[in-house]
Amino acid sequence: MSKSWKTILIVLISFSIFLLIKNSLFGRFFSILFNLIDNKSISYLLVYLLIGIPLYGAVIILHPPEYFFSSLGFHREILKALLFTFICSIPMLLGFVIIYSFNQGITINRVVITVIAAAFFEELYFRGFLFGQVFRFTRFGFVPAIVLPSLIFALLHIYQSQNPVTMVGIFLVTLMGSAFFAWVYVEWNYNLWVPIFLHLFMNLFWLLFYGGGDALGNILTNVFRVITIALVITGTIYYQKKRGLKLAVNINTLWKKREILP
């Protein structure tokens, strides 16, 4: 078995175990920890951290111990990622401030669960692991590497509505969002902090002013969201050109890579 297929097999098996644990035991683990700690936010974060054990094990199998964090994207400049993503998300902040009122029902628990935990763990598990391990360490191109992570990511978000039309909209928006975050991750030289902070700011402004509605949103929210996305794309392309580099996702890496990229 080639190294690429061995990596794919390990990734798929470990992620299947992760999904099984998440869907069947998350609530039970949360109840146990909440009874012990009596803090909803901390309990939620700990459970999300614990259910990732199968994925951490897979990374240990695939890479030497010293590359554990770097293989997931935790080895680049955090402040640069924070500054870039905040600047790009300013249109969402300003637009929401002008159009909407501050969400009076916001709580620390909602911020931790729907903003911090969602941004960090979704990017870590879906982009850093499920997509990143396949695209970075096999000869699979961007399209085949992103299909499964995006489909799963989108399906896990359709619970936000019972209306079939809205569910389709949520599915498509989150499907494209997953591909977009993966592209950002790759183009910033696998710096996972970039999609994490971008995801965090977009979720935060959505929650603070729009009220944390479903992922589909309305026309106005999507106008501001599209402006932010356009800024990210433009800024990322400029960042690559300034460094004298070509875009990592191109015709030669779209479907199949000739070699495994560093």
C-alpha atoms as a PDB file:
ATOM      1  CA  MET A   1       0.000   0.000   0.000  1.00  0.00           C
ATOM      2  CA  SER A   2       1.363   3.422  -0.952  1.00  0.00           C
ATOM      3  CA  LYS A   3       2.003   6.101   1.637  1.00  0.00           C
ATOM      4  CA  SER A   4      -0.831   8.235   0.249  1.00  0.00           C
ATOM      5  CA  TRP A   5      -3.436   5.490   0.535  1.00  0.00           C
ATOM      6  CA  LYS A   6      -2.176   4.493   3.975  1.00  0.00           C
ATOM      7  CA  THR A   7      -2.623   8.102   5.126  1.00  0.00           C
ATOM      8  CA  ILE A   8      -6.116   8.289   3.632  1.00  0.00           C
ATOM      9  CA  LEU A   9      -7.140   5.011   5.261  1.00  0.00           C
ATOM     10  CA  ILE A  10      -5.907   6.077   8.705  1.00  0.00           C
ATOM     11  CA  VAL A  11      -7.599   9.472   8.363  1.00  0.00           C
ATOM     12  CA  LEU A  12     -10.939   7.986   7.306  1.00  0.00           C
ATOM     13  CA  ILE A  13     -10.983   5.323  10.012  1.00  0.00           C
ATOM     14  CA  SER A  14     -10.056   7.721  12.795  1.00  0.00           C
ATOM     15  CA  PHE A  15     -12.535  10.360  11.629  1.00  0.00           C
ATOM     16  CA  SER A  16     -15.311   7.761  11.433  1.00  0.00           C
ATOM     17  CA  ILE A  17     -14.583   6.813  15.051  1.00  0.00           C
ATOM     18  CA  PHE A  18     -14.603  10.503  15.974  1.00  0.00           C
ATOM     19  CA  LEU A  19     -18.016  11.031  14.363  1.00  0.00           C
ATOM     20  CA  LEU A  20     -19.406   7.947  16.080  1.00  0.00           C
ATOM     21  CA  ILE A  21     -18.237   9.184  19.472  1.00  0.00           C
ATOM     22  CA  LYS A  22     -19.453  12.723  18.778  1.00  0.00           C
ATOM     23  CA  ASN A  23     -22.932  11.646  17.704  1.00  0.00           C
ATOM     24  CA  SER A  24     -23.488   8.989  20.358  1.00  0.00           C
ATOM     25  CA  LEU A  25     -21.531  10.054  23.439  1.00  0.00           C
ATOM     26  CA  PHE A  26     -21.088  13.837  23.343  1.00  0.00           C
ATOM     27  CA  GLY A  27     -24.190  14.531  25.443  1.00  0.00           C
ATOM     28  CA  ARG A  28     -23.349  11.830  27.975  1.00  0.00           C
ATOM     29  CA  PHE A  29     -19.780  13.052  28.398  1.00  0.00           C
ATOM     30  CA  PHE A  30     -21.030  16.612  28.752  1.00  0.00           C
ATOM     31  CA  SER A  31     -23.487  15.651  31.501  1.00  0.00           C
ATOM     32  CA  ILE A  32     -20.772  13.827  33.447  1.00  0.00           C
ATOM     33  CA  LEU A  33     -18.319  16.726  33.249  1.00  0.00           C
ATOM     34  CA  PHE A  34     -20.975  19.339  33.952  1.00  0.00           C
ATOM     35  CA  ASN A  35     -21.983  17.483  37.127  1.00  0.00           C
ATOM     36  CA  LEU A  36     -18.347  17.443  38.208  1.00  0.00           C
ATOM     37  CA  ILE A  37     -17.298  20.948  37.185  1.00  0.00           C
ATOM     38  CA  ASP A  38     -20.636  22.814  37.243  1.00  0.00           C
ATOM     39  CA  ASN A  39     -19.486  25.054  34.413  1.00  0.00           C
ATOM     40  CA  LYS A  40     -21.168  24.721  31.019  1.00  0.00           C
ATOM     41  CA  SER A  41     -18.474  26.427  28.942  1.00  0.00           C
ATOM     42  CA  ILE A  42     -15.530  24.521  30.392  1.00  0.00           C
ATOM     43  CA  SER A  43     -17.436  21.227  30.218  1.00  0.00           C
ATOM     44  CA  TYR A  44     -18.260  21.810  26.549  1.00  0.00           C
ATOM     45  CA  LEU A  45     -14.663  22.674  25.657  1.00  0.00           C
ATOM     46  CA  LEU A  46     -13.304  19.642  27.499  1.00  0.00           C
ATOM     47  CA  VAL A  47     -15.731  17.266  25.797  1.00  0.00           C
ATOM     48  CA  TYR A  48     -14.868  18.652  22.365  1.00  0.00           C
ATOM     49  CA  LEU A  49     -11.187  18.217  23.221  1.00  0.00           C
ATOM     50  CA  LEU A  50     -11.668  14.654  24.493  1.00  0.00           C
ATOM     51  CA  ILE A  51     -13.694  13.352  21.557  1.00  0.00           C
ATOM     52  CA  GLY A  52     -10.797  14.296  19.291  1.00  0.00           C
ATOM     53  CA  ILE A  53      -8.571  11.599  20.831  1.00  0.00           C
ATOM     54  CA  PRO A  54      -8.968   9.258  17.811  1.00  0.00           C
ATOM     55  CA  LEU A  55      -7.747  12.069  15.562  1.00  0.00           C
ATOM     56  CA  TYR A  56      -4.793  12.889  17.800  1.00  0.00           C
ATOM     57  CA  GLY A  57      -3.888   9.205  17.749  1.00  0.00           C
ATOM     58  CA  ALA A  58      -3.974   9.186  13.955  1.00  0.00           C
ATOM     59  CA  VAL A  59      -1.627  12.186  13.808  1.00  0.00           C
ATOM     60  CA  ILE A  60       0.793  10.386  16.150  1.00  0.00           C
ATOM     61  CA  ILE A  61       0.724   7.362  13.848  1.00  0.00           C
ATOM     62  CA  LEU A  62       1.238   9.448  10.709  1.00  0.00           C
ATOM     63  CA  HIS A  63       3.970  11.815  11.907  1.00  0.00           C
ATOM     64  CA  PRO A  64       6.951  11.921  14.284  1.00  0.00           C
ATOM     65  CA  PRO A  65       6.054  13.370  17.732  1.00  0.00           C
ATOM     66  CA  GLU A  66       7.902  16.631  17.087  1.00  0.00           C
ATOM     67  CA  TYR A  67       5.643  17.325  14.084  1.00  0.00           C
ATOM     68  CA  PHE A  68       2.364  16.748  15.921  1.00  0.00           C
ATOM     69  CA  PHE A  69       1.316  20.397  16.130  1.00  0.00           C
ATOM     70  CA  SER A  70       2.954  21.580  12.918  1.00  0.00           C
ATOM     71  CA  SER A  71       1.247  18.830  10.892  1.00  0.00           C
ATOM     72  CA  LEU A  72      -2.098  20.291  11.997  1.00  0.00           C
ATOM     73  CA  GLY A  73      -1.108  23.885  11.263  1.00  0.00           C
ATOM     74  CA  PHE A  74      -0.138  25.175  14.732  1.00  0.00           C
ATOM     75  CA  HIS A  75       3.301  26.362  13.772  1.00  0.00           C
ATOM     76  CA  ARG A  76       2.856  29.731  12.087  1.00  0.00           C
ATOM     77  CA  GLU A  77       2.467  33.345  13.127  1.00  0.00           C
ATOM     78  CA  ILE A  78      -0.603  33.823  15.294  1.00  0.00           C
ATOM     79  CA  LEU A  79      -0.573  37.633  15.435  1.00  0.00           C
ATOM     80  CA  LYS A  80      -0.396  37.970  11.656  1.00  0.00           C
ATOM     81  CA  ALA A  81      -3.389  35.645  11.331  1.00  0.00           C
ATOM     82  CA  LEU A  82      -5.300  37.592  13.994  1.00  0.00           C
ATOM     83  CA  LEU A  83      -4.618  40.985  12.392  1.00  0.00           C
ATOM     84  CA  PHE A  84      -5.368  39.890   8.835  1.00  0.00           C
ATOM     85  CA  THR A  85      -8.650  38.181   9.664  1.00  0.00           C
ATOM     86  CA  PHE A  86      -9.870  41.012  11.885  1.00  0.00           C
ATOM     87  CA  ILE A  87      -9.216  43.616   9.189  1.00  0.00           C
ATOM     88  CA  CYS A  88     -11.007  41.496   6.583  1.00  0.00           C
ATOM     89  CA  SER A  89     -14.014  40.952   8.855  1.00  0.00           C
ATOM     90  CA  ILE A  90     -14.486  44.657   9.652  1.00  0.00           C
ATOM     91  CA  PRO A  91     -17.189  45.011   6.919  1.00  0.00           C
ATOM     92  CA  MET A  92     -19.295  42.441   8.773  1.00  0.00           C
ATOM     93  CA  LEU A  93     -18.789  44.256  12.064  1.00  0.00           C
ATOM     94  CA  LEU A  94     -19.597  47.725  10.697  1.00  0.00           C
ATOM     95  CA  GLY A  95     -22.480  46.501   8.574  1.00  0.00           C
ATOM     96  CA  PHE A  96     -24.088  44.615  11.430  1.00  0.00           C
ATOM     97  CA  VAL A  97     -23.612  47.543  13.816  1.00  0.00           C
ATOM     98  CA  ILE A  98     -25.404  49.857  11.373  1.00  0.00           C
ATOM     99  CA  ILE A  99     -28.228  47.510  10.384  1.00  0.00           C
ATOM    100  CA  TYR A 100     -28.930  45.509  13.543  1.00  0.00           C
ATOM    101  CA  SER A 101     -29.230  46.064  17.273  1.00  0.00           C
ATOM    102  CA  PHE A 102     -26.934  44.474  19.805  1.00  0.00           C
ATOM    103  CA  ASN A 103     -28.098  41.025  20.839  1.00  0.00           C
ATOM    104  CA  GLN A 104     -29.265  41.482  24.432  1.00  0.00           C
ATOM    105  CA  GLY A 105     -29.646  37.744  24.946  1.00  0.00           C
ATOM    106  CA  ILE A 106     -25.974  36.999  24.538  1.00  0.00           C
ATOM    107  CA  THR A 107     -24.229  35.038  27.304  1.00  0.00           C
ATOM    108  CA  ILE A 108     -20.688  33.885  27.981  1.00  0.00           C
ATOM    109  CA  ASN A 109     -21.775  30.306  27.389  1.00  0.00           C
ATOM    110  CA  ARG A 110     -23.166  31.147  23.944  1.00  0.00           C
ATOM    111  CA  VAL A 111     -19.958  32.953  22.996  1.00  0.00           C
ATOM    112  CA  VAL A 112     -17.779  30.072  24.149  1.00  0.00           C
ATOM    113  CA  ILE A 113     -19.902  27.359  22.534  1.00  0.00           C
ATOM    114  CA  THR A 114     -21.018  28.971  19.260  1.00  0.00           C
ATOM    115  CA  VAL A 115     -17.993  31.182  18.636  1.00  0.00           C
ATOM    116  CA  ILE A 116     -14.797  29.996  20.330  1.00  0.00           C
ATOM    117  CA  ALA A 117     -15.398  26.243  20.407  1.00  0.00           C
ATOM    118  CA  ALA A 118     -17.046  26.165  16.971  1.00  0.00           C
ATOM    119  CA  ALA A 119     -14.230  28.114  15.322  1.00  0.00           C
ATOM    120  CA  PHE A 120     -11.349  26.295  16.988  1.00  0.00           C
ATOM    121  CA  PHE A 121     -12.525  22.697  16.916  1.00  0.00           C
ATOM    122  CA  GLU A 122     -14.302  22.776  13.547  1.00  0.00           C
ATOM    123  CA  GLU A 123     -11.199  24.180  11.901  1.00  0.00           C
ATOM    124  CA  LEU A 124      -8.918  21.777  13.757  1.00  0.00           C
ATOM    125  CA  TYR A 125     -10.946  18.654  13.040  1.00  0.00           C
ATOM    126  CA  PHE A 126     -12.270  19.419   9.563  1.00  0.00           C
ATOM    127  CA  ARG A 127      -9.580  21.610   8.006  1.00  0.00           C
ATOM    128  CA  GLY A 128      -6.445  20.764   9.979  1.00  0.00           C
ATOM    129  CA  PHE A 129      -7.134  17.037  10.158  1.00  0.00           C
ATOM    130  CA  LEU A 130      -9.697  15.624   7.711  1.00  0.00           C
ATOM    131  CA  PHE A 131      -8.810  17.923   4.817  1.00  0.00           C
ATOM    132  CA  GLY A 132      -5.274  18.926   5.760  1.00  0.00           C
ATOM    133  CA  GLN A 133      -3.815  15.472   6.321  1.00  0.00           C
ATOM    134  CA  VAL A 134      -5.105  14.295   2.954  1.00  0.00           C
ATOM    135  CA  PHE A 135      -4.163  17.346   0.894  1.00  0.00           C
ATOM    136  CA  ARG A 136      -0.800  17.999   2.544  1.00  0.00           C
ATOM    137  CA  PHE A 137       0.473  14.453   2.905  1.00  0.00           C
ATOM    138  CA  THR A 138      -0.950  12.573  -0.080  1.00  0.00           C
ATOM    139  CA  ARG A 139      -1.021  13.162  -3.831  1.00  0.00           C
ATOM    140  CA  PHE A 140      -4.724  13.953  -3.754  1.00  0.00           C
ATOM    141  CA  GLY A 141      -5.516  17.349  -5.237  1.00  0.00           C
ATOM    142  CA  PHE A 142      -7.605  20.084  -3.653  1.00  0.00           C
ATOM    143  CA  VAL A 143     -10.946  19.004  -5.121  1.00  0.00           C
ATOM    144  CA  PRO A 144     -10.897  15.316  -4.101  1.00  0.00           C
ATOM    145  CA  ALA A 145      -9.391  16.247  -0.719  1.00  0.00           C
ATOM    146  CA  ILE A 146     -12.117  18.778   0.106  1.00  0.00           C
ATOM    147  CA  VAL A 147     -15.218  16.902  -1.093  1.00  0.00           C
ATOM    148  CA  LEU A 148     -15.748  14.622   1.921  1.00  0.00           C
ATOM    149  CA  PRO A 149     -14.883  17.202   4.625  1.00  0.00           C
ATOM    150  CA  SER A 150     -17.209  19.745   3.026  1.00  0.00           C
ATOM    151  CA  LEU A 151     -20.097  17.297   2.659  1.00  0.00           C
ATOM    152  CA  ILE A 152     -19.835  16.172   6.290  1.00  0.00           C
ATOM    153  CA  PHE A 153     -19.377  19.750   7.503  1.00  0.00           C
ATOM    154  CA  ALA A 154     -22.469  20.889   5.594  1.00  0.00           C
ATOM    155  CA  LEU A 155     -24.614  17.956   6.735  1.00  0.00           C
ATOM    156  CA  LEU A 156     -23.746  18.651  10.369  1.00  0.00           C
ATOM    157  CA  HIS A 157     -25.209  22.166  10.042  1.00  0.00           C
ATOM    158  CA  ILE A 158     -28.597  21.480   8.456  1.00  0.00           C
ATOM    159  CA  TYR A 159     -30.113  20.800  11.904  1.00  0.00           C
ATOM    160  CA  GLN A 160     -30.498  24.582  12.212  1.00  0.00           C
ATOM    161  CA  SER A 161     -33.783  24.515  10.309  1.00  0.00           C
ATOM    162  CA  GLN A 162     -36.706  22.191   9.609  1.00  0.00           C
ATOM    163  CA  ASN A 163     -37.731  24.021   6.440  1.00  0.00           C
ATOM    164  CA  PRO A 164     -36.555  22.017   3.385  1.00  0.00           C
ATOM    165  CA  VAL A 165     -35.705  25.116   1.344  1.00  0.00           C
ATOM    166  CA  THR A 166     -33.745  26.673   4.205  1.00  0.00           C
ATOM    167  CA  MET A 167     -31.995  23.367   4.865  1.00  0.00           C
ATOM    168  CA  VAL A 168     -30.811  23.262   1.253  1.00  0.00           C
ATOM    169  CA  GLY A 169     -29.594  26.858   1.580  1.00  0.00           C
ATOM    170  CA  ILE A 170     -27.720  26.094   4.798  1.00  0.00           C
ATOM    171  CA  PHE A 171     -26.192  23.006   3.195  1.00  0.00           C
ATOM    172  CA  LEU A 172     -24.907  24.957   0.185  1.00  0.00           C
ATOM    173  CA  VAL A 173     -23.612  27.898   2.243  1.00  0.00           C
ATOM    174  CA  THR A 174     -21.710  25.690   4.691  1.00  0.00           C
ATOM    175  CA  LEU A 175     -20.481  23.462   1.853  1.00  0.00           C
ATOM    176  CA  MET A 176     -18.932  26.465   0.092  1.00  0.00           C
ATOM    177  CA  GLY A 177     -17.746  27.857   3.430  1.00  0.00           C
ATOM    178  CA  SER A 178     -15.854  24.664   4.154  1.00  0.00           C
ATOM    179  CA  ALA A 179     -14.086  24.822   0.786  1.00  0.00           C
ATOM    180  CA  PHE A 180     -13.314  28.499   1.329  1.00  0.00           C
ATOM    181  CA  PHE A 181     -11.773  27.957   4.773  1.00  0.00           C
ATOM    182  CA  ALA A 182      -9.723  25.064   3.370  1.00  0.00           C
ATOM    183  CA  TRP A 183      -8.447  27.273   0.548  1.00  0.00           C
ATOM    184  CA  VAL A 184      -7.449  29.973   3.035  1.00  0.00           C
ATOM    185  CA  TYR A 185      -5.685  27.361   5.161  1.00  0.00           C
ATOM    186  CA  VAL A 186      -3.636  26.149   2.191  1.00  0.00           C
ATOM    187  CA  GLU A 187      -2.782  29.562   0.769  1.00  0.00           C
ATOM    188  CA  TRP A 188      -1.515  30.814   4.120  1.00  0.00           C
ATOM    189  CA  ASN A 189       1.009  27.990   4.088  1.00  0.00           C
ATOM    190  CA  TYR A 190      -1.093  25.740   6.312  1.00  0.00           C
ATOM    191  CA  ASN A 191      -1.410  28.283   9.073  1.00  0.00           C
ATOM    192  CA  LEU A 192      -4.539  26.982  10.815  1.00  0.00           C
ATOM    193  CA  TRP A 193      -4.828  30.162  12.884  1.00  0.00           C
ATOM    194  CA  VAL A 194      -5.995  32.061   9.793  1.00  0.00           C
ATOM    195  CA  PRO A 195      -9.220  30.063   9.242  1.00  0.00           C
ATOM    196  CA  ILE A 196      -9.695  29.734  13.009  1.00  0.00           C
ATOM    197  CA  PHE A 197      -9.663  33.499  13.618  1.00  0.00           C
ATOM    198  CA  LEU A 198     -11.648  34.230  10.458  1.00  0.00           C
ATOM    199  CA  HIS A 199     -14.281  31.686  11.510  1.00  0.00           C
ATOM    200  CA  LEU A 200     -14.254  33.136  15.029  1.00  0.00           C
ATOM    201  CA  PHE A 201     -14.758  36.780  13.992  1.00  0.00           C
ATOM    202  CA  MET A 202     -17.476  35.958  11.482  1.00  0.00           C
ATOM    203  CA  ASN A 203     -19.347  33.855  14.048  1.00  0.00           C
ATOM    204  CA  LEU A 204     -18.850  36.475  16.759  1.00  0.00           C
ATOM    205  CA  PHE A 205     -20.253  39.404  14.787  1.00  0.00           C
ATOM    206  CA  TRP A 206     -23.099  37.185  13.568  1.00  0.00           C
ATOM    207  CA  LEU A 207     -23.970  36.338  17.169  1.00  0.00           C
ATOM    208  CA  LEU A 208     -23.479  39.806  18.662  1.00  0.00           C
ATOM    209  CA  PHE A 209     -25.761  41.629  16.242  1.00  0.00           C
ATOM    210  CA  TYR A 210     -27.709  39.285  14.015  1.00  0.00           C
ATOM    211  CA  GLY A 211     -28.684  37.158  16.994  1.00  0.00           C
ATOM    212  CA  GLY A 212     -27.044  33.914  16.032  1.00  0.00           C
ATOM    213  CA  GLY A 213     -29.642  32.915  13.438  1.00  0.00           C
ATOM    214  CA  ASP A 214     -29.106  29.948  11.137  1.00  0.00           C
ATOM    215  CA  ALA A 215     -26.079  29.809   8.852  1.00  0.00           C
ATOM    216  CA  LEU A 216     -28.072  30.859   5.785  1.00  0.00           C
ATOM    217  CA  GLY A 217     -28.849  34.393   7.012  1.00  0.00           C
ATOM    218  CA  ASN A 218     -30.682  36.966   4.896  1.00  0.00           C
ATOM    219  CA  ILE A 219     -29.751  39.203   1.972  1.00  0.00           C
ATOM    220  CA  LEU A 220     -28.133  41.948   4.059  1.00  0.00           C
ATOM    221  CA  THR A 221     -26.105  39.608   6.253  1.00  0.00           C
ATOM    222  CA  ASN A 222     -24.843  37.805   3.179  1.00  0.00           C
ATOM    223  CA  VAL A 223     -23.871  41.067   1.479  1.00  0.00           C
ATOM    224  CA  PHE A 224     -21.556  41.879   4.382  1.00  0.00           C
ATOM    225  CA  ARG A 225     -20.351  38.297   4.533  1.00  0.00           C
ATOM    226  CA  VAL A 226     -19.504  38.303   0.811  1.00  0.00           C
ATOM    227  CA  ILE A 227     -17.559  41.570   1.198  1.00  0.00           C
ATOM    228  CA  THR A 228     -15.509  40.004   3.986  1.00  0.00           C
ATOM    229  CA  ILE A 229     -14.872  36.894   1.891  1.00  0.00           C
ATOM    230  CA  ALA A 230     -13.833  39.054  -1.081  1.00  0.00           C
ATOM    231  CA  LEU A 231     -11.362  40.925   1.131  1.00  0.00           C
ATOM    232  CA  VAL A 232      -9.914  37.648   2.390  1.00  0.00           C
ATOM    233  CA  ILE A 233      -9.459  36.338  -1.152  1.00  0.00           C
ATOM    234  CA  THR A 234      -7.948  39.608  -2.398  1.00  0.00           C
ATOM    235  CA  GLY A 235      -5.686  39.931   0.636  1.00  0.00           C
ATOM    236  CA  THR A 236      -4.542  36.328   0.365  1.00  0.00           C
ATOM    237  CA  ILE A 237      -3.663  36.671  -3.314  1.00  0.00           C
ATOM    238  CA  TYR A 238      -1.763  39.891  -2.554  1.00  0.00           C
ATOM    239  CA  TYR A 239       0.047  38.144   0.338  1.00  0.00           C
ATOM    240  CA  GLN A 240       1.210  35.366  -1.991  1.00  0.00           C
ATOM    241  CA  LYS A 241       2.330  37.737  -4.744  1.00  0.00           C
ATOM    242  CA  LYS A 242       4.192  39.927  -2.249  1.00  0.00           C
ATOM    243  CA  ARG A 243       6.176  36.860  -1.179  1.00  0.00           C
ATOM    244  CA  GLY A 244       6.851  36.028  -4.819  1.00  0.00           C
ATOM    245  CA  LEU A 245       4.847  32.811  -4.661  1.00  0.00           C
ATOM    246  CA  LYS A 246       2.217  31.282  -6.894  1.00  0.00           C
ATOM    247  CA  LEU A 247      -1.115  30.244  -5.458  1.00  0.00           C
ATOM    248  CA  ALA A 248      -0.812  26.795  -3.884  1.00  0.00           C
ATOM    249  CA  VAL A 249      -4.187  25.727  -5.283  1.00  0.00           C
ATOM    250  CA  ASN A 250      -3.731  25.849  -9.044  1.00  0.00           C
ATOM    251  CA  ILE A 251      -4.220  23.756 -12.155  1.00  0.00           C
ATOM    252  CA  ASN A 252      -1.354  21.474 -11.076  1.00  0.00           C
ATOM    253  CA  THR A 253      -2.776  20.795  -7.605  1.00  0.00           C
ATOM    254  CA  LEU A 254      -6.496  20.964  -8.283  1.00  0.00           C
ATOM    255  CA  TRP A 255      -7.095  17.261  -8.959  1.00  0.00           C
ATOM    256  CA  LYS A 256      -3.857  15.396  -8.368  1.00  0.00           C
ATOM    257  CA  LYS A 257      -0.457  16.544  -7.187  1.00  0.00           C
ATOM    258  CA  ARG A 258       2.683  15.340  -8.894  1.00  0.00           C
ATOM    259  CA  GLU A 259       4.406  15.179  -5.539  1.00  0.00           C
ATOM    260  CA  ILE A 260       3.562  15.598  -1.887  1.00  0.00           C
ATOM    261  CA  LEU A 261       3.989  19.249  -0.991  1.00  0.00           C
ATOM    262  CA  PRO A 262       6.167  20.276   1.998  1.00  0.00           C
END
